[in-house]
Each structure stands twice: as structure tokens, then as C-alpha cells.
Protein backbone atom coordinates (compact mmCIF):
# COMPACT_ATOMS: atom_id res chain seq x y z
CA MET A 1 13.59 -20.58 -5.25
CA THR A 2 13.34 -16.62 -6.88
CA ARG A 3 15.87 -14.47 -5.63
CA ALA A 4 14.74 -11.55 -4.26
CA ALA A 5 16.46 -7.51 -3.64
CA VAL A 6 14.98 -4.95 -1.13
CA VAL A 7 16.11 -1.51 -2.47
CA GLY A 8 16.30 0.72 0.71
CA ALA A 9 15.65 -2.16 2.86
CA ALA A 10 16.52 -0.02 6.25
CA GLY A 11 13.57 2.18 6.11
CA TYR A 12 10.11 0.60 8.11
CA ALA A 13 8.59 -0.75 4.15
CA GLY A 14 12.35 -1.86 3.60
CA ALA A 15 12.55 -3.88 6.84
CA GLU A 16 9.18 -4.86 6.64
CA LEU A 17 9.80 -6.22 3.65
CA THR A 18 12.95 -7.96 4.99
CA ARG A 19 10.63 -9.77 7.48
CA LEU A 20 8.36 -11.20 5.02
CA LEU A 21 11.01 -12.42 2.58
CA LEU A 22 12.85 -14.12 5.38
CA GLY A 23 9.76 -16.40 5.46
CA HIS A 24 8.72 -16.50 2.24
CA PRO A 25 8.83 -20.09 0.75
CA SER A 26 9.63 -19.31 -2.59
CA PHE A 27 11.74 -16.61 -2.43
CA GLU A 28 15.18 -16.41 -1.23
CA LEU A 29 16.20 -13.18 0.56
CA ALA A 30 19.60 -12.53 -1.50
CA CYS A 31 20.38 -8.58 -1.09
CA VAL A 32 19.46 -5.69 0.86
CA THR A 33 20.84 -2.33 0.04
CA SER A 34 20.75 0.84 2.21
CA GLY A 35 22.36 4.53 1.31
CA GLN A 36 22.30 5.53 4.75
CA ASP A 37 23.31 2.45 6.76
CA GLU A 38 26.03 0.62 4.34
CA GLY A 39 27.58 -1.90 5.82
CA ARG A 40 25.78 -2.37 8.57
CA PRO A 41 24.44 -6.12 9.45
CA VAL A 42 20.65 -5.84 9.45
CA ARG A 43 20.09 -7.78 12.61
CA GLU A 44 22.00 -5.04 14.17
CA LEU A 45 19.82 -2.27 13.09
CA TYR A 46 16.46 -4.51 13.51
CA PRO A 47 17.03 -6.67 16.49
CA ALA A 48 14.02 -8.68 15.95
CA LEU A 49 15.38 -9.61 12.37
CA ALA A 50 18.30 -11.52 14.18
CA MET A 51 17.88 -14.93 11.91
CA CYS A 52 18.99 -12.38 9.28
CA ASP A 53 22.47 -12.82 8.37
CA LEU A 54 22.68 -10.03 5.54
CA VAL A 55 24.56 -6.52 5.56
CA TYR A 56 22.85 -3.54 4.25
CA SER A 57 25.12 -2.90 0.27
CA PRO A 58 25.10 0.63 -1.26
CA HIS A 59 22.64 1.54 -3.91
CA ASP A 60 24.43 0.25 -6.88
CA THR A 61 22.15 -1.30 -8.94
CA SER A 62 24.22 -3.02 -11.81
CA VAL A 63 26.73 -4.23 -9.67
CA VAL A 64 25.02 -5.17 -6.43
CA VAL A 65 21.13 -5.98 -7.39
CA ALA A 66 20.86 -6.61 -10.62
CA SER A 67 23.72 -9.39 -10.10
CA ARG A 68 22.61 -11.13 -7.20
CA ALA A 69 18.51 -11.25 -7.67
CA GLU A 70 16.11 -11.35 -10.38
CA ILE A 71 13.25 -9.39 -8.69
CA ALA A 72 13.60 -6.14 -7.06
CA PHE A 73 11.30 -4.70 -4.57
CA LEU A 74 11.94 -1.12 -4.22
CA ALA A 75 11.35 0.76 -0.96
CA VAL A 76 12.38 3.66 -1.43
CA PRO A 77 11.20 7.52 -1.60
CA HIS A 78 9.66 8.85 -4.66
CA THR A 79 11.80 10.11 -7.42
CA ALA A 80 14.33 7.43 -6.31
CA ALA A 81 12.62 4.56 -7.78
CA MET A 82 12.23 5.96 -11.30
CA ALA A 83 16.07 6.54 -11.42
CA LEU A 84 16.58 3.01 -10.46
CA ALA A 85 13.82 1.13 -12.25
CA PRO A 86 14.80 1.73 -15.96
CA ALA A 87 17.91 0.29 -15.38
CA LEU A 88 16.68 -2.74 -13.42
CA LEU A 89 14.33 -3.49 -16.18
CA ASP A 90 17.22 -3.65 -18.44
CA ALA A 91 19.15 -5.85 -16.83
CA GLY A 92 15.82 -8.12 -16.99
CA MET A 93 14.37 -8.04 -13.48
CA THR A 94 11.24 -7.60 -12.62
CA VAL A 95 10.50 -4.42 -10.33
CA ILE A 96 7.90 -4.01 -7.52
CA ASP A 97 7.68 -0.64 -6.51
CA ALA A 98 6.54 0.93 -3.36
CA SER A 99 6.74 4.06 -3.78
CA ALA A 100 4.51 6.77 -5.58
CA ASP A 101 6.50 6.78 -8.76
CA PHE A 102 4.22 4.78 -11.36
CA ARG A 103 0.81 4.83 -9.76
CA LEU A 104 -0.47 7.96 -11.42
CA ARG A 105 -1.05 7.56 -15.45
CA ASP A 106 -0.58 11.11 -16.12
CA PRO A 107 3.23 12.49 -15.56
CA GLU A 108 2.25 16.01 -15.85
CA LEU A 109 -0.21 15.03 -12.93
CA PHE A 110 2.79 13.62 -11.10
CA THR A 111 4.82 16.73 -11.65
CA ALA A 112 1.77 18.87 -10.00
CA TRP A 113 1.83 16.75 -7.11
CA TYR A 114 5.06 15.88 -6.18
CA GLY A 115 6.82 18.73 -7.55
CA THR A 116 9.52 17.27 -9.98
CA PRO A 117 9.43 15.94 -13.58
CA HIS A 118 9.05 12.31 -14.08
CA THR A 119 12.23 11.32 -15.75
CA ALA A 120 10.72 8.03 -16.98
CA PRO A 121 7.38 8.66 -18.64
CA GLY A 122 8.05 5.85 -21.03
CA LEU A 123 7.53 3.28 -18.19
CA ILE A 124 4.43 4.90 -17.02
CA ASP A 125 1.96 2.81 -19.61
CA GLU A 126 3.44 -0.69 -18.97
CA ALA A 127 3.73 0.03 -14.87
CA VAL A 128 0.44 -2.13 -13.44
CA TYR A 129 -1.47 -0.55 -10.65
CA GLY A 130 -0.83 -3.65 -7.89
CA LEU A 131 -4.21 -3.68 -5.55
CA PRO A 132 -5.31 -7.26 -6.49
CA GLU A 133 -8.85 -7.40 -4.70
CA LEU A 134 -9.75 -4.72 -7.51
CA TRP A 135 -7.37 -5.35 -10.64
CA ARG A 136 -5.61 -8.83 -10.03
CA VAL A 137 -6.33 -9.86 -13.80
CA ALA A 138 -4.13 -7.35 -14.63
CA LEU A 139 -0.72 -8.48 -12.82
CA PRO A 140 0.01 -11.97 -14.00
CA GLY A 141 3.65 -12.20 -15.76
CA THR A 142 3.76 -8.09 -15.76
CA ARG A 143 7.76 -6.63 -15.31
CA LEU A 144 6.67 -3.88 -12.91
CA VAL A 145 3.98 -3.09 -10.31
CA ALA A 146 3.18 0.05 -9.14
CA CYS A 147 2.08 -0.71 -5.16
CA PRO A 148 -0.93 1.62 -4.15
CA GLY A 149 -0.46 3.95 -1.21
CA CYS A 150 -1.51 2.73 2.09
CA TYR A 151 -4.63 5.73 2.42
CA PRO A 152 -5.63 4.76 -1.13
CA THR A 153 -5.38 0.62 -0.43
CA ALA A 154 -7.91 1.26 2.37
CA THR A 155 -9.62 3.96 0.30
CA LEU A 156 -10.34 2.09 -2.66
CA LEU A 157 -11.13 -1.08 -0.89
CA ALA A 158 -13.75 0.59 1.04
CA ALA A 159 -15.61 2.15 -1.80
CA ALA A 160 -14.78 -0.55 -4.53
CA PRO A 161 -18.05 -2.73 -3.87
CA ALA A 162 -20.49 0.30 -3.85
CA VAL A 163 -19.18 1.92 -6.98
CA ARG A 164 -19.36 -1.09 -9.02
CA ALA A 165 -22.73 -2.10 -7.37
CA ASP A 166 -24.40 1.44 -9.05
CA PHE A 167 -25.29 2.31 -5.46
CA VAL A 168 -23.17 5.69 -5.51
CA ILE A 169 -25.36 8.48 -7.43
CA SER A 170 -22.71 11.65 -6.57
CA GLY A 171 -19.05 11.55 -7.61
CA ARG A 172 -18.45 13.43 -4.65
CA VAL A 173 -16.36 11.13 -1.94
CA ILE A 174 -15.48 12.35 1.52
CA VAL A 175 -12.74 10.54 3.06
CA ASP A 176 -11.41 10.50 6.87
CA ALA A 177 -8.47 8.55 7.58
CA ILE A 178 -5.63 7.89 10.31
CA SER A 179 -2.78 6.72 10.44
CA GLY A 180 0.48 5.81 12.14
CA VAL A 181 3.50 7.70 12.66
CA SER A 182 5.57 4.47 10.67
CA GLY A 183 3.64 5.83 7.66
CA ALA A 184 5.91 8.81 7.62
CA GLY A 185 9.15 6.99 7.33
CA ARG A 186 12.07 6.55 9.38
CA THR A 187 13.49 9.79 8.85
CA PRO A 188 12.49 11.83 12.33
CA GLY A 189 10.80 15.18 11.93
CA PRO A 190 8.77 17.76 14.15
CA VAL A 191 5.86 16.28 13.61
CA THR A 192 6.40 12.76 14.01
CA HIS A 193 8.82 13.55 17.24
CA PHE A 194 7.23 11.12 20.15
CA VAL A 195 6.86 14.52 22.27
CA ASN A 196 4.49 15.86 20.08
CA ALA A 197 3.11 13.14 18.44
CA THR A 198 2.01 11.04 21.26
CA GLU A 199 -1.34 11.64 23.12
CA SER A 200 -2.77 13.85 20.34
CA VAL A 201 -4.61 13.45 17.01
CA ALA A 202 -4.35 16.18 14.48
CA ALA A 203 -4.98 16.75 10.84
CA TYR A 204 -2.23 17.23 8.50
CA LYS A 205 -1.80 18.06 4.50
CA VAL A 206 -5.73 18.92 4.53
CA GLY A 207 -6.25 19.43 0.66
CA SER A 208 -2.98 18.78 -0.42
CA HIS A 209 -2.07 15.06 0.07
CA ARG A 210 -0.21 13.61 -2.39
CA HIS A 211 -2.55 10.54 -2.40
CA THR A 212 -5.44 12.28 -3.50
CA PRO A 213 -4.96 12.45 -7.19
CA GLU A 214 -4.16 8.34 -6.87
CA ILE A 215 -7.55 8.01 -4.86
CA VAL A 216 -9.26 10.27 -7.59
CA GLN A 217 -7.68 7.61 -10.25
CA GLY A 218 -8.92 4.46 -8.74
CA LEU A 219 -12.26 5.87 -8.32
CA ALA A 220 -12.71 6.73 -11.92
CA ASP A 221 -11.28 3.34 -12.68
CA LEU A 222 -14.08 1.79 -10.87
CA GLY A 223 -16.57 3.27 -12.70
CA LEU A 224 -16.99 6.79 -10.60
CA GLN A 225 -18.07 9.46 -13.14
CA THR A 226 -16.30 12.47 -12.23
CA PRO A 227 -15.15 12.02 -8.51
CA SER A 228 -14.37 14.67 -6.79
CA VAL A 229 -12.49 13.40 -3.18
CA VAL A 230 -12.43 15.27 0.14
CA PHE A 231 -9.18 14.05 1.96
CA THR A 232 -8.44 14.57 5.41
CA PRO A 233 -5.45 12.34 6.59
CA HIS A 234 -4.65 12.15 10.32
CA LEU A 235 -1.60 11.31 12.75
CA ALA A 236 -2.80 9.30 15.58
CA PRO A 237 0.04 8.07 18.20
CA LEU A 238 0.27 4.69 16.89
CA ASP A 239 3.18 2.49 15.39
CA ARG A 240 1.38 1.27 12.71
CA GLY A 241 -1.88 1.13 11.58
CA LEU A 242 -4.73 3.12 9.33
CA LEU A 243 -8.10 3.54 9.24
CA SER A 244 -10.13 5.01 6.50
CA THR A 245 -13.77 5.75 6.84
CA VAL A 246 -15.45 6.90 2.93
CA TYR A 247 -18.85 8.46 2.60
CA LEU A 248 -20.53 7.61 -0.27
CA GLU A 249 -23.51 9.34 -1.26
CA VAL A 250 -26.40 6.29 -2.22
CA GLU A 251 -29.20 5.90 -3.91
CA PRO A 252 -32.88 6.43 -2.12
CA GLY A 253 -33.94 3.17 -0.82
CA LEU A 254 -30.57 1.53 -0.25
CA LEU A 255 -31.36 -0.88 2.70
CA PRO A 256 -28.71 -1.94 4.90
CA GLU A 257 -28.64 -5.77 3.96
CA GLU A 258 -28.58 -4.70 0.71
CA ALA A 259 -25.27 -2.81 1.10
CA TYR A 260 -23.93 -5.58 3.67
CA THR A 261 -24.17 -8.09 1.37
CA ALA A 262 -22.66 -6.31 -1.83
CA TYR A 263 -19.52 -5.95 0.47
CA ALA A 264 -19.97 -10.00 1.53
CA ASP A 265 -20.21 -11.12 -1.89
CA ALA A 266 -17.50 -8.77 -3.31
CA TYR A 267 -15.11 -9.82 -1.00
CA ALA A 268 -16.52 -13.50 -0.23
CA SER A 269 -13.22 -15.20 -2.24
CA GLU A 270 -10.77 -13.04 -1.02
CA PRO A 271 -8.08 -14.23 1.43
CA PHE A 272 -7.20 -10.72 2.68
CA VAL A 273 -10.03 -8.95 3.29
CA THR A 274 -13.01 -9.99 6.04
CA VAL A 275 -16.44 -7.92 6.15
CA CYS A 276 -16.95 -7.16 9.40
CA GLN A 277 -21.02 -8.77 10.55
CA PRO A 278 -23.73 -6.13 10.55
CA GLY A 279 -23.01 -3.63 13.72
CA VAL A 280 -18.98 -4.58 14.22
CA GLN A 281 -16.24 -2.22 13.28
CA PRO A 282 -12.96 -2.95 12.32
CA ALA A 283 -9.81 -1.47 14.32
CA THR A 284 -6.15 -1.45 13.54
CA ALA A 285 -5.31 -3.79 16.66
CA HIS A 286 -7.06 -6.49 14.72
CA VAL A 287 -5.13 -6.46 11.78
CA ARG A 288 -1.33 -5.20 13.39
CA GLY A 289 1.19 -7.11 11.52
CA SER A 290 -0.70 -8.81 8.62
CA ASN A 291 -1.83 -8.68 5.41
CA ARG A 292 -5.47 -8.58 6.14
CA ALA A 293 -7.72 -5.53 5.59
CA HIS A 294 -11.16 -5.28 7.52
CA ILE A 295 -13.84 -3.85 6.28
CA GLY A 296 -17.15 -2.08 8.23
CA VAL A 297 -20.60 -1.18 6.42
CA ALA A 298 -23.06 1.06 7.90
CA LEU A 299 -25.94 3.02 6.50
CA ASP A 300 -26.94 5.94 7.42
CA GLN A 301 -30.62 6.01 5.62
CA SER A 302 -31.64 9.70 7.51
CA SER A 303 -29.05 11.16 5.01
CA GLY A 304 -28.64 8.68 2.15
CA THR A 305 -24.82 8.11 3.09
CA LEU A 306 -22.78 4.53 2.94
CA VAL A 307 -20.15 4.72 5.91
CA VAL A 308 -17.63 2.24 5.08
CA THR A 309 -14.32 1.76 7.25
CA CYS A 310 -11.56 0.01 6.35
CA ALA A 311 -8.72 -0.95 8.79
CA ILE A 312 -4.66 -1.94 7.57
CA ASP A 313 -1.80 -2.08 9.00
CA ASN A 314 -0.16 0.75 6.82
CA LEU A 315 3.67 -1.23 6.62
CA VAL A 316 2.22 -4.52 5.78
CA LYS A 317 -1.60 -4.64 3.25
CA GLY A 318 -0.65 -0.67 2.78
CA THR A 319 3.19 -1.23 1.38
CA ALA A 320 4.95 -4.49 2.28
CA GLY A 321 2.62 -7.08 2.36
CA GLN A 322 0.75 -5.68 -0.77
CA ALA A 323 4.07 -5.83 -2.58
CA VAL A 324 4.86 -9.70 -2.04
CA GLN A 325 0.93 -10.60 -2.70
CA CYS A 326 1.34 -8.79 -6.40
CA ALA A 327 4.75 -10.41 -6.43
CA ASN A 328 3.41 -13.93 -5.86
CA ILE A 329 0.76 -13.13 -8.52
CA VAL A 330 3.03 -11.97 -11.02
CA LEU A 331 5.49 -14.63 -10.45
CA GLY A 332 2.52 -17.64 -10.55
CA TYR A 333 3.17 -18.30 -6.71
CA ASP A 334 0.15 -18.69 -4.46
CA GLU A 335 -1.11 -15.41 -3.74
CA THR A 336 -1.20 -16.17 0.18
CA ALA A 337 2.56 -17.09 0.15
CA GLY A 338 5.16 -15.73 3.17
CA LEU A 339 2.29 -13.79 4.29
CA ASP A 340 0.89 -15.72 7.53
CA MET A 341 4.53 -16.31 8.88
CA PRO A 342 5.19 -15.99 12.92
CA VAL A 343 8.63 -14.18 12.24
CA PRO A 344 7.75 -11.01 14.95
CA VAL A 345 6.47 -7.75 14.04
CA VAL A 346 9.71 -4.94 13.59
């Protein structure tokens, strides 16, 4: 058994990591930390996790985390992870970072989009981007994993087969995506207050969402030349769930069955990806609480546009489940271990 710690375990992503690790056959959840809820039992804050007898510890990496665990899952806000990771790595731990701090390979780009200098730039080159379906080969044995954001996860899974098959003839990619309110985190705000969020769908951070450069970087890594992304996220009155619709300009003469076959073949051996049958579109309800991604493929032949949709649970495949999936690969466990378990959704 590998002893695991969740740093920032009281947030929604941290609670989801707690849920998944409690049922994992190869991890022993040994430590959960929280700055805000230090000293509270997990089961008090999240009654659905009544099987957990742990109490939230303070964020003290040297005394608590490194002494109790061998692998640390960081479910903390951006800038916090880059402050914590160096000490954890120096203590010999494996670090799975669910924040944004090590996703972008250019520290100046990080500063431009996140408004703060990167304090651990020396670790950026070491970090492996943790989207297994696309870049699994780099994960085994690594010390530091940068788990993708929820929007980039769904978007890149939707775009990858078409880009890799050379169907796409333009770097201009349009992404319309919808997320549930839990994507904004546990701290309440005016936009995510129930009264303001319910019975309403609204675009937000149009042209300025921080996941944009991550999507651009991922598309370039897939082989798309000079990607230019128009990304418009929307907030929907859901507690969890994310649907990304990606529009790609494709070569004239592409047939719908060719596009579908490319996707079906690309993901045929992937344990967590389902390509819907032609004419069928995915829904967030179909993946709720799971580490699955469901993909729908449609070709608008009149405009030469491939329209690909991808539904995920933003807290599982979009965050915690993907982190566990990456950790499984890093440590040589079965990739699906702990990700098909019956513990209730928080």
C-alpha cells in the first residue's frame, strides 16, 4: 500500500480525491489537510464520507504531509502548489498537482495569465502534463504531474483524433463549453450564489479565461499548426458536469463515417473514453460521478466543420479522478484502480 495525502482536502476537488482514495485498493489515505477547516473531522464537513475517520490537519508539509505519506495530491488554489511542491519533492515524495501551477511550460505565459511570477520555474520542465489518453507514455516513474484543467481535458479529448488524423486545415478552433457551479470551487461568490446561478446560463470570462493558453499549448502538442483558440465558457445551474463543444475546420470531402471511424479507432482501447454512436450526443448526466469521458462526433458538411462534443464530470475526470488515474500510471498500478468504486458522490 502507498500512503497518500490530500493537501487542500476540504475543497470540492479535495473531497472528491478523498472519496476516490478511500476506496482505492493500493492507496492508504493517511493525511488530509485544510487551512480553513483544520481540526474538523472529514465526516462532519462531508457526511457522505462517513466511512472516513480522519481529521483535517494544518498545511505543514515538513511535519505532517511528508512524514505521513509517500505521495501528495495537491488540491489547492494556483500559486499555493508551486510554494508547496519543492519541499514535498525534496522530501522524496511524488506530487500530483491538480492546480494550474505547472501546466504551462512558459513561466512568462503563466505570469501573464495568472498575474503573479512563478516561484518554482525550475520544476516546470520536469512536470509531466497528466492527460493519459493523449500523453500516457511520459507518466510512468515521474515525480511531478501537472493535471490538466477541466475545460482543457474535455476540449483536447474532443479535438485530438481529428488533429492527429490531419483532418483539420485551420489553426482557428472555436470552443463553447458549459460547466457546473462546483468548477468555481467551494468558496461562495456573487456569481455562484444559488439565487444568482439557478435558472440561468451565462457566459463568463469571454476571451480571458485562464484555461485558454493551456488549450492552445495542448493543441500545438497534438500537432496543430499555429493554433488560435476562441474559448467561451458558460456557467450552468448544475452542481457538477462539463460539456465542451469544439468546432474544427476540416478538409473538403471528409465523410461523416471517416470522422467517426477516426475517433472510434483512437479511443478503442481507452478504459475511460466512450465514443457515442453516430447521431448520438453525450450528456453530463451520463458521466456524473465517474472518471469517464463521452464523445459525440458530427460533421457539418455544408460548412466543412467537424463538431465534437465531450462530456465529463468536472470534479472527477476533470480533476480528482484524472489525478488518481495519473498516480496509478506513475506508480505502476492498474490504470483503472480505484476509479470504479461505489462510495457515494459527495
